[in-house]
Amino acid sequence: MTAPLVLLGCGYTLTRWALVEARSGREVIATTREASRRALLEGAGVRVLSLDDALSRAGDAHVVDSVPPDAGLDAHFAQVLSRARPARLVYLSSTGVYGAARGRVDETTPVDPTSASARGRLEAEARFLPVGASVLRIAGIYGPGRNTAGRMKAGTLRIPESGGGRVSRVHVDDLVEAVRVVLERGAPGEVYCVADRRPATQEETAVWLSEHLGLPMPPRVPLESLHESLRGDRSIVAAKLEALGWTPRYPDFTTGFVAALEEEARG
């Protein structure tokens, strides 16, 4: 019998997965603060509960925690989950923990706690790893309704004057599959990086979108004016995850952007 699925913090990624699992007949319990997501989830048969009620169902379940550190709930969650003893536990973190690291980056790369956001993620990881969580450090997530094409169409996309360094990404459906694989075959207490196989500069993605959408190239701006996550130059390597049997359906941004745009066109 398939274990119930408890999803803490159903945002973009976990909502997408919850809908698929619930429609397949699996028992799915979720939490969300957004009324629109709640309606969508309940319409698919997901049980939307308060955080404490969802945590009370964690025993022997597969639990995925996507609540960001700034919610201030990590210590409480870790304490409750250490007692509840879920069958499997996955914490969704970020490759932002590598901070200023450049070049090839994987699980052995030293983390960089310089920024407050990186420290928050690392502190959360340190709480969940000892209670048996598998941690996913995730590159930039994109997909239908959440991708660079939307910003280009809206005229809000900017790229660095230099073209920018390499940025790693992962399509939301590949991330969902990564969570599924780690829940099934990942090791408790281990960290796994999640990214597609082809990091690309912001200029590369902008040129491709400009040609594909028939739109002008976006304006160029000083690198320091962009968000810190867009100022680096690194290639996130997911070899450890692929060794578990995960294979990205969208190995680079071109295949992923096409899929996202096609799904958006279908409504």
C-alpha atoms as a PDB file:
ATOM      1  CA  MET A   1       0.000   0.000   0.000  1.00  0.00           C
ATOM      2  CA  THR A   2       1.350   3.427  -0.934  1.00  0.00           C
ATOM      3  CA  ALA A   3       2.148   5.632   2.044  1.00  0.00           C
ATOM      4  CA  PRO A   4       0.113   8.836   2.437  1.00  0.00           C
ATOM      5  CA  LEU A   5       1.790  11.966   1.147  1.00  0.00           C
ATOM      6  CA  VAL A   6       2.049  14.968   3.494  1.00  0.00           C
ATOM      7  CA  LEU A   7       3.110  18.180   1.753  1.00  0.00           C
ATOM      8  CA  LEU A   8       4.042  21.084   3.999  1.00  0.00           C
ATOM      9  CA  GLY A   9       3.872  24.371   2.131  1.00  0.00           C
ATOM     10  CA  CYS A  10       2.161  23.701  -1.191  1.00  0.00           C
ATOM     11  CA  GLY A  11       3.493  26.369  -3.501  1.00  0.00           C
ATOM     12  CA  TYR A  12       4.235  26.187  -7.205  1.00  0.00           C
ATOM     13  CA  THR A  13       6.055  22.836  -7.221  1.00  0.00           C
ATOM     14  CA  LEU A  14       4.216  20.820  -4.594  1.00  0.00           C
ATOM     15  CA  THR A  15       0.787  21.913  -5.806  1.00  0.00           C
ATOM     16  CA  ARG A  16       1.641  20.559  -9.247  1.00  0.00           C
ATOM     17  CA  TRP A  17       2.650  17.230  -7.741  1.00  0.00           C
ATOM     18  CA  ALA A  18      -0.257  17.062  -5.285  1.00  0.00           C
ATOM     19  CA  LEU A  19      -2.797  17.331  -8.103  1.00  0.00           C
ATOM     20  CA  VAL A  20      -1.232  14.425  -9.985  1.00  0.00           C
ATOM     21  CA  GLU A  21      -0.963  12.169  -6.930  1.00  0.00           C
ATOM     22  CA  ALA A  22      -4.476  12.900  -5.642  1.00  0.00           C
ATOM     23  CA  ARG A  23      -6.060  12.284  -9.037  1.00  0.00           C
ATOM     24  CA  SER A  24      -4.276   8.925  -9.160  1.00  0.00           C
ATOM     25  CA  GLY A  25      -6.039   7.935  -5.939  1.00  0.00           C
ATOM     26  CA  ARG A  26      -3.242   8.480  -3.432  1.00  0.00           C
ATOM     27  CA  GLU A  27      -4.064  10.024  -0.079  1.00  0.00           C
ATOM     28  CA  VAL A  28      -2.549  13.508  -0.148  1.00  0.00           C
ATOM     29  CA  ILE A  29      -2.556  15.958   2.756  1.00  0.00           C
ATOM     30  CA  ALA A  30      -1.352  19.483   2.118  1.00  0.00           C
ATOM     31  CA  THR A  31      -0.990  22.890   3.702  1.00  0.00           C
ATOM     32  CA  THR A  32      -1.262  26.249   1.983  1.00  0.00           C
ATOM     33  CA  ARG A  33      -2.034  29.847   2.930  1.00  0.00           C
ATOM     34  CA  GLU A  34      -3.406  30.765  -0.490  1.00  0.00           C
ATOM     35  CA  ALA A  35      -7.177  30.508  -0.984  1.00  0.00           C
ATOM     36  CA  SER A  36      -6.869  29.926  -4.735  1.00  0.00           C
ATOM     37  CA  ARG A  37      -4.475  27.018  -4.242  1.00  0.00           C
ATOM     38  CA  ARG A  38      -6.682  25.581  -1.527  1.00  0.00           C
ATOM     39  CA  ALA A  39      -9.662  25.525  -3.884  1.00  0.00           C
ATOM     40  CA  LEU A  40      -7.570  23.917  -6.637  1.00  0.00           C
ATOM     41  CA  LEU A  41      -6.175  21.257  -4.310  1.00  0.00           C
ATOM     42  CA  GLU A  42      -9.498  20.398  -2.689  1.00  0.00           C
ATOM     43  CA  GLY A  43     -11.094  20.173  -6.130  1.00  0.00           C
ATOM     44  CA  ALA A  44      -8.635  17.386  -6.967  1.00  0.00           C
ATOM     45  CA  GLY A  45      -9.298  15.503  -3.737  1.00  0.00           C
ATOM     46  CA  VAL A  46      -6.390  16.764  -1.638  1.00  0.00           C
ATOM     47  CA  ARG A  47      -7.096  17.228   2.074  1.00  0.00           C
ATOM     48  CA  VAL A  48      -5.950  20.733   2.984  1.00  0.00           C
ATOM     49  CA  LEU A  49      -5.242  21.006   6.731  1.00  0.00           C
ATOM     50  CA  SER A  50      -3.593  23.387   9.138  1.00  0.00           C
ATOM     51  CA  LEU A  51       0.120  22.888   9.694  1.00  0.00           C
ATOM     52  CA  ASP A  52      -0.323  21.261  13.084  1.00  0.00           C
ATOM     53  CA  ASP A  53      -3.076  18.943  11.803  1.00  0.00           C
ATOM     54  CA  ALA A  54      -0.937  17.968   8.813  1.00  0.00           C
ATOM     55  CA  LEU A  55       2.053  17.287  11.085  1.00  0.00           C
ATOM     56  CA  SER A  56      -0.154  15.047  13.220  1.00  0.00           C
ATOM     57  CA  ARG A  57      -0.585  12.828  10.145  1.00  0.00           C
ATOM     58  CA  ALA A  58       3.163  12.552   9.469  1.00  0.00           C
ATOM     59  CA  GLY A  59       3.702   9.207  11.196  1.00  0.00           C
ATOM     60  CA  ASP A  60       4.505   6.483   8.610  1.00  0.00           C
ATOM     61  CA  ALA A  61       3.808   8.961   5.799  1.00  0.00           C
ATOM     62  CA  HIS A  62       6.035  10.389   3.081  1.00  0.00           C
ATOM     63  CA  VAL A  63       6.598  14.004   4.138  1.00  0.00           C
ATOM     64  CA  VAL A  64       7.951  16.829   1.982  1.00  0.00           C
ATOM     65  CA  ASP A  65       8.715  20.176   3.604  1.00  0.00           C
ATOM     66  CA  SER A  66       8.788  23.226   1.347  1.00  0.00           C
ATOM     67  CA  VAL A  67       8.086  25.913   3.961  1.00  0.00           C
ATOM     68  CA  PRO A  68      10.749  28.653   3.642  1.00  0.00           C
ATOM     69  CA  PRO A  69      13.005  29.406   6.619  1.00  0.00           C
ATOM     70  CA  ASP A  70      11.683  32.939   7.008  1.00  0.00           C
ATOM     71  CA  ALA A  71       8.406  31.461   8.258  1.00  0.00           C
ATOM     72  CA  GLY A  72      10.296  30.659  11.483  1.00  0.00           C
ATOM     73  CA  LEU A  73       8.833  27.151  11.765  1.00  0.00           C
ATOM     74  CA  ASP A  74      11.846  24.908  11.153  1.00  0.00           C
ATOM     75  CA  ALA A  75      12.662  24.213  14.810  1.00  0.00           C
ATOM     76  CA  HIS A  76       9.031  23.309  15.552  1.00  0.00           C
ATOM     77  CA  PHE A  77       8.762  21.098  12.475  1.00  0.00           C
ATOM     78  CA  ALA A  78      12.002  19.258  13.232  1.00  0.00           C
ATOM     79  CA  GLN A  79      10.938  18.625  16.812  1.00  0.00           C
ATOM     80  CA  VAL A  80       7.520  17.279  15.828  1.00  0.00           C
ATOM     81  CA  LEU A  81       8.870  15.160  12.964  1.00  0.00           C
ATOM     82  CA  SER A  82      11.562  13.621  15.165  1.00  0.00           C
ATOM     83  CA  ARG A  83       8.742  12.252  17.338  1.00  0.00           C
ATOM     84  CA  ALA A  84       6.336  11.414  14.509  1.00  0.00           C
ATOM     85  CA  ARG A  85       8.907   9.297  12.653  1.00  0.00           C
ATOM     86  CA  PRO A  86       7.613   9.591   9.076  1.00  0.00           C
ATOM     87  CA  ALA A  87       8.459   6.739   6.721  1.00  0.00           C
ATOM     88  CA  ARG A  88      10.426   9.178   4.553  1.00  0.00           C
ATOM     89  CA  LEU A  89      11.223  12.881   4.885  1.00  0.00           C
ATOM     90  CA  VAL A  90      12.474  15.305   2.234  1.00  0.00           C
ATOM     91  CA  TYR A  91      13.400  18.949   2.803  1.00  0.00           C
ATOM     92  CA  LEU A  92      13.467  21.281  -0.204  1.00  0.00           C
ATOM     93  CA  SER A  93      16.453  23.617   0.019  1.00  0.00           C
ATOM     94  CA  SER A  94      18.260  25.764  -2.552  1.00  0.00           C
ATOM     95  CA  THR A  95      21.553  25.909  -4.419  1.00  0.00           C
ATOM     96  CA  GLY A  96      21.670  29.444  -3.031  1.00  0.00           C
ATOM     97  CA  VAL A  97      23.575  27.903  -0.114  1.00  0.00           C
ATOM     98  CA  TYR A  98      26.653  27.863  -2.372  1.00  0.00           C
ATOM     99  CA  GLY A  99      26.667  31.666  -2.460  1.00  0.00           C
ATOM    100  CA  ALA A 100      29.667  32.997  -4.347  1.00  0.00           C
ATOM    101  CA  ALA A 101      30.899  29.579  -5.530  1.00  0.00           C
ATOM    102  CA  ARG A 102      31.908  29.531  -9.198  1.00  0.00           C
ATOM    103  CA  GLY A 103      32.400  26.827 -11.807  1.00  0.00           C
ATOM    104  CA  ARG A 104      31.376  23.225 -11.226  1.00  0.00           C
ATOM    105  CA  VAL A 105      29.238  22.851  -8.092  1.00  0.00           C
ATOM    106  CA  ASP A 106      27.993  19.656  -6.473  1.00  0.00           C
ATOM    107  CA  GLU A 107      27.270  18.305  -2.996  1.00  0.00           C
ATOM    108  CA  THR A 108      30.959  18.394  -2.045  1.00  0.00           C
ATOM    109  CA  THR A 109      31.349  22.116  -2.822  1.00  0.00           C
ATOM    110  CA  PRO A 110      31.782  24.231   0.345  1.00  0.00           C
ATOM    111  CA  VAL A 111      28.683  26.225   1.231  1.00  0.00           C
ATOM    112  CA  ASP A 112      28.768  29.992   1.660  1.00  0.00           C
ATOM    113  CA  PRO A 113      26.671  31.344   4.566  1.00  0.00           C
ATOM    114  CA  THR A 114      27.468  34.982   3.748  1.00  0.00           C
ATOM    115  CA  SER A 115      23.912  35.992   2.853  1.00  0.00           C
ATOM    116  CA  ALA A 116      20.967  35.818   5.249  1.00  0.00           C
ATOM    117  CA  SER A 117      18.984  33.637   2.839  1.00  0.00           C
ATOM    118  CA  ALA A 118      21.815  31.099   2.601  1.00  0.00           C
ATOM    119  CA  ARG A 119      22.202  31.022   6.396  1.00  0.00           C
ATOM    120  CA  GLY A 120      18.482  30.391   6.801  1.00  0.00           C
ATOM    121  CA  ARG A 121      18.573  27.437   4.426  1.00  0.00           C
ATOM    122  CA  LEU A 122      21.703  25.973   6.028  1.00  0.00           C
ATOM    123  CA  GLU A 123      20.216  26.292   9.505  1.00  0.00           C
ATOM    124  CA  ALA A 124      17.087  24.506   8.293  1.00  0.00           C
ATOM    125  CA  GLU A 125      19.140  21.731   6.711  1.00  0.00           C
ATOM    126  CA  ALA A 126      21.057  21.310   9.974  1.00  0.00           C
ATOM    127  CA  ARG A 127      17.755  20.799  11.808  1.00  0.00           C
ATOM    128  CA  PHE A 128      16.271  18.286   9.378  1.00  0.00           C
ATOM    129  CA  LEU A 129      19.263  16.140   8.394  1.00  0.00           C
ATOM    130  CA  PRO A 130      19.710  14.688  11.927  1.00  0.00           C
ATOM    131  CA  VAL A 131      16.053  13.585  12.011  1.00  0.00           C
ATOM    132  CA  GLY A 132      16.490  11.556   8.827  1.00  0.00           C
ATOM    133  CA  ALA A 133      15.624  13.987   6.070  1.00  0.00           C
ATOM    134  CA  SER A 134      17.025  13.832   2.575  1.00  0.00           C
ATOM    135  CA  VAL A 135      17.798  17.372   1.424  1.00  0.00           C
ATOM    136  CA  LEU A 136      17.368  18.597  -2.131  1.00  0.00           C
ATOM    137  CA  ARG A 137      19.386  21.674  -3.092  1.00  0.00           C
ATOM    138  CA  ILE A 138      17.426  22.996  -6.035  1.00  0.00           C
ATOM    139  CA  ALA A 139      18.531  25.252  -8.900  1.00  0.00           C
ATOM    140  CA  GLY A 140      16.230  27.906 -10.413  1.00  0.00           C
ATOM    141  CA  ILE A 141      12.751  26.429 -10.883  1.00  0.00           C
ATOM    142  CA  TYR A 142      10.775  27.258 -14.008  1.00  0.00           C
ATOM    143  CA  GLY A 143       7.732  25.947 -15.861  1.00  0.00           C
ATOM    144  CA  PRO A 144       4.304  26.996 -17.106  1.00  0.00           C
ATOM    145  CA  GLY A 145       3.400  30.405 -15.716  1.00  0.00           C
ATOM    146  CA  ARG A 146       6.827  30.819 -14.155  1.00  0.00           C
ATOM    147  CA  ASN A 147       9.599  31.342 -16.646  1.00  0.00           C
ATOM    148  CA  THR A 148      11.795  33.876 -18.399  1.00  0.00           C
ATOM    149  CA  ALA A 149       9.432  34.015 -21.382  1.00  0.00           C
ATOM    150  CA  GLY A 150       6.768  35.666 -19.256  1.00  0.00           C
ATOM    151  CA  ARG A 151       9.130  38.466 -18.238  1.00  0.00           C
ATOM    152  CA  MET A 152      10.266  38.930 -21.821  1.00  0.00           C
ATOM    153  CA  LYS A 153       6.661  39.206 -23.030  1.00  0.00           C
ATOM    154  CA  ALA A 154       5.906  41.679 -20.239  1.00  0.00           C
ATOM    155  CA  GLY A 155       8.980  43.748 -21.091  1.00  0.00           C
ATOM    156  CA  THR A 156      10.459  43.397 -17.610  1.00  0.00           C
ATOM    157  CA  LEU A 157      13.393  41.120 -18.456  1.00  0.00           C
ATOM    158  CA  ARG A 158      16.881  42.600 -18.095  1.00  0.00           C
ATOM    159  CA  ILE A 159      20.220  40.965 -18.859  1.00  0.00           C
ATOM    160  CA  PRO A 160      23.719  41.963 -17.721  1.00  0.00           C
ATOM    161  CA  GLU A 161      25.845  44.131 -19.980  1.00  0.00           C
ATOM    162  CA  SER A 162      28.387  41.301 -20.093  1.00  0.00           C
ATOM    163  CA  GLY A 163      25.779  38.664 -20.982  1.00  0.00           C
ATOM    164  CA  GLY A 164      26.028  37.171 -17.521  1.00  0.00           C
ATOM    165  CA  GLY A 165      27.517  33.991 -16.138  1.00  0.00           C
ATOM    166  CA  ARG A 166      26.044  30.502 -16.339  1.00  0.00           C
ATOM    167  CA  VAL A 167      22.832  29.865 -14.417  1.00  0.00           C
ATOM    168  CA  SER A 168      21.486  26.387 -13.658  1.00  0.00           C
ATOM    169  CA  ARG A 169      17.777  25.656 -13.856  1.00  0.00           C
ATOM    170  CA  VAL A 170      15.308  22.790 -13.508  1.00  0.00           C
ATOM    171  CA  HIS A 171      11.837  22.351 -15.002  1.00  0.00           C
ATOM    172  CA  VAL A 172       9.143  21.954 -12.354  1.00  0.00           C
ATOM    173  CA  ASP A 173       8.126  18.516 -13.648  1.00  0.00           C
ATOM    174  CA  ASP A 174      11.718  17.292 -13.426  1.00  0.00           C
ATOM    175  CA  LEU A 175      11.863  18.623  -9.873  1.00  0.00           C
ATOM    176  CA  VAL A 176       8.668  16.748  -9.001  1.00  0.00           C
ATOM    177  CA  GLU A 177      10.240  13.571 -10.354  1.00  0.00           C
ATOM    178  CA  ALA A 178      13.406  14.260  -8.349  1.00  0.00           C
ATOM    179  CA  VAL A 179      11.358  14.503  -5.143  1.00  0.00           C
ATOM    180  CA  ARG A 180       9.604  11.249  -6.032  1.00  0.00           C
ATOM    181  CA  VAL A 181      12.899   9.457  -6.698  1.00  0.00           C
ATOM    182  CA  VAL A 182      14.513  10.662  -3.476  1.00  0.00           C
ATOM    183  CA  LEU A 183      11.454   9.677  -1.434  1.00  0.00           C
ATOM    184  CA  GLU A 184      11.684   6.190  -2.932  1.00  0.00           C
ATOM    185  CA  ARG A 185      15.438   5.625  -3.149  1.00  0.00           C
ATOM    186  CA  GLY A 186      17.314   8.470  -1.500  1.00  0.00           C
ATOM    187  CA  ALA A 187      19.288   7.964   1.685  1.00  0.00           C
ATOM    188  CA  PRO A 188      18.259   9.633   4.952  1.00  0.00           C
ATOM    189  CA  GLY A 189      20.757  12.283   5.978  1.00  0.00           C
ATOM    190  CA  GLU A 190      22.049  12.811   2.431  1.00  0.00           C
ATOM    191  CA  VAL A 191      22.087  15.937   0.249  1.00  0.00           C
ATOM    192  CA  TYR A 192      21.248  15.915  -3.473  1.00  0.00           C
ATOM    193  CA  CYS A 193      21.653  18.741  -5.974  1.00  0.00           C
ATOM    194  CA  VAL A 194      18.874  19.171  -8.548  1.00  0.00           C
ATOM    195  CA  ALA A 195      19.507  20.845 -11.916  1.00  0.00           C
ATOM    196  CA  ASP A 196      19.258  20.087 -15.618  1.00  0.00           C
ATOM    197  CA  ARG A 197      22.316  19.182 -17.655  1.00  0.00           C
ATOM    198  CA  ARG A 198      22.991  22.493 -19.377  1.00  0.00           C
ATOM    199  CA  PRO A 199      23.558  25.703 -17.455  1.00  0.00           C
ATOM    200  CA  ALA A 200      23.184  28.743 -19.685  1.00  0.00           C
ATOM    201  CA  THR A 201      23.959  32.422 -19.510  1.00  0.00           C
ATOM    202  CA  GLN A 202      21.147  34.937 -19.356  1.00  0.00           C
ATOM    203  CA  GLU A 203      22.171  36.169 -22.801  1.00  0.00           C
ATOM    204  CA  GLU A 204      21.836  32.654 -24.253  1.00  0.00           C
ATOM    205  CA  THR A 205      18.309  32.267 -22.929  1.00  0.00           C
ATOM    206  CA  ALA A 206      17.326  35.789 -24.000  1.00  0.00           C
ATOM    207  CA  VAL A 207      18.648  35.284 -27.551  1.00  0.00           C
ATOM    208  CA  TRP A 208      16.785  31.983 -27.855  1.00  0.00           C
ATOM    209  CA  LEU A 209      13.535  33.482 -26.555  1.00  0.00           C
ATOM    210  CA  SER A 210      13.888  36.554 -28.751  1.00  0.00           C
ATOM    211  CA  GLU A 211      14.158  34.374 -31.838  1.00  0.00           C
ATOM    212  CA  HIS A 212      11.487  31.906 -30.715  1.00  0.00           C
ATOM    213  CA  LEU A 213       8.934  34.550 -29.711  1.00  0.00           C
ATOM    214  CA  GLY A 214       9.804  37.141 -32.321  1.00  0.00           C
ATOM    215  CA  LEU A 215      10.491  39.791 -29.680  1.00  0.00           C
ATOM    216  CA  PRO A 216      13.334  42.316 -29.368  1.00  0.00           C
ATOM    217  CA  MET A 217      16.230  41.588 -27.057  1.00  0.00           C
ATOM    218  CA  PRO A 218      15.764  42.966 -23.530  1.00  0.00           C
ATOM    219  CA  PRO A 219      17.759  45.959 -22.298  1.00  0.00           C
ATOM    220  CA  ARG A 220      21.218  45.432 -20.847  1.00  0.00           C
ATOM    221  CA  VAL A 221      21.946  46.670 -17.332  1.00  0.00           C
ATOM    222  CA  PRO A 222      24.945  46.655 -14.956  1.00  0.00           C
ATOM    223  CA  LEU A 223      25.468  43.243 -13.389  1.00  0.00           C
ATOM    224  CA  GLU A 224      25.329  44.645  -9.855  1.00  0.00           C
ATOM    225  CA  SER A 225      21.789  45.918 -10.457  1.00  0.00           C
ATOM    226  CA  LEU A 226      20.445  42.354 -10.774  1.00  0.00           C
ATOM    227  CA  HIS A 227      19.409  40.017  -7.964  1.00  0.00           C
ATOM    228  CA  GLU A 228      22.338  38.220  -6.325  1.00  0.00           C
ATOM    229  CA  SER A 229      21.111  34.868  -7.697  1.00  0.00           C
ATOM    230  CA  LEU A 230      21.746  36.174 -11.240  1.00  0.00           C
ATOM    231  CA  ARG A 231      25.268  37.471 -10.687  1.00  0.00           C
ATOM    232  CA  GLY A 232      27.113  34.165 -10.450  1.00  0.00           C
ATOM    233  CA  ASP A 233      28.697  31.795 -12.931  1.00  0.00           C
ATOM    234  CA  ARG A 234      28.321  28.175 -12.005  1.00  0.00           C
ATOM    235  CA  SER A 235      27.212  24.779 -13.228  1.00  0.00           C
ATOM    236  CA  ILE A 236      25.173  22.739 -10.744  1.00  0.00           C
ATOM    237  CA  VAL A 237      25.876  19.034 -11.266  1.00  0.00           C
ATOM    238  CA  ALA A 238      23.161  16.506 -10.355  1.00  0.00           C
ATOM    239  CA  ALA A 239      25.243  13.337 -10.899  1.00  0.00           C
ATOM    240  CA  LYS A 240      24.484  12.021  -7.396  1.00  0.00           C
ATOM    241  CA  LEU A 241      20.749  12.327  -8.042  1.00  0.00           C
ATOM    242  CA  GLU A 242      21.045  10.792 -11.500  1.00  0.00           C
ATOM    243  CA  ALA A 243      22.822   7.809  -9.900  1.00  0.00           C
ATOM    244  CA  LEU A 244      19.537   7.090  -8.079  1.00  0.00           C
ATOM    245  CA  GLY A 245      17.782   6.757 -11.443  1.00  0.00           C
ATOM    246  CA  TRP A 246      16.595  10.330 -11.985  1.00  0.00           C
ATOM    247  CA  THR A 247      16.801  11.498 -15.589  1.00  0.00           C
ATOM    248  CA  PRO A 248      15.590  14.990 -16.527  1.00  0.00           C
ATOM    249  CA  ARG A 249      12.850  14.981 -19.155  1.00  0.00           C
ATOM    250  CA  TYR A 250      13.998  18.492 -20.062  1.00  0.00           C
ATOM    251  CA  PRO A 251      17.817  18.353 -20.018  1.00  0.00           C
ATOM    252  CA  ASP A 252      18.251  21.982 -21.088  1.00  0.00           C
ATOM    253  CA  PHE A 253      16.346  25.251 -21.133  1.00  0.00           C
ATOM    254  CA  THR A 254      15.335  24.970 -24.803  1.00  0.00           C
ATOM    255  CA  THR A 255      13.352  21.749 -24.352  1.00  0.00           C
ATOM    256  CA  GLY A 256      11.922  22.992 -21.058  1.00  0.00           C
ATOM    257  CA  PHE A 257      10.916  26.415 -22.377  1.00  0.00           C
ATOM    258  CA  VAL A 258       9.162  24.829 -25.368  1.00  0.00           C
ATOM    259  CA  ALA A 259       7.182  22.529 -23.074  1.00  0.00           C
ATOM    260  CA  ALA A 260       6.252  25.398 -20.765  1.00  0.00           C
ATOM    261  CA  LEU A 261       5.146  27.630 -23.625  1.00  0.00           C
ATOM    262  CA  GLU A 262       3.096  24.832 -25.197  1.00  0.00           C
ATOM    263  CA  GLU A 263       1.322  24.132 -21.901  1.00  0.00           C
ATOM    264  CA  GLU A 264       0.600  27.829 -21.432  1.00  0.00           C
ATOM    265  CA  ALA A 265      -0.864  27.962 -24.945  1.00  0.00           C
ATOM    266  CA  ARG A 266      -3.187  25.075 -24.070  1.00  0.00           C
ATOM    267  CA  GLY A 267      -4.416  27.065 -21.070  1.00  0.00           C
END
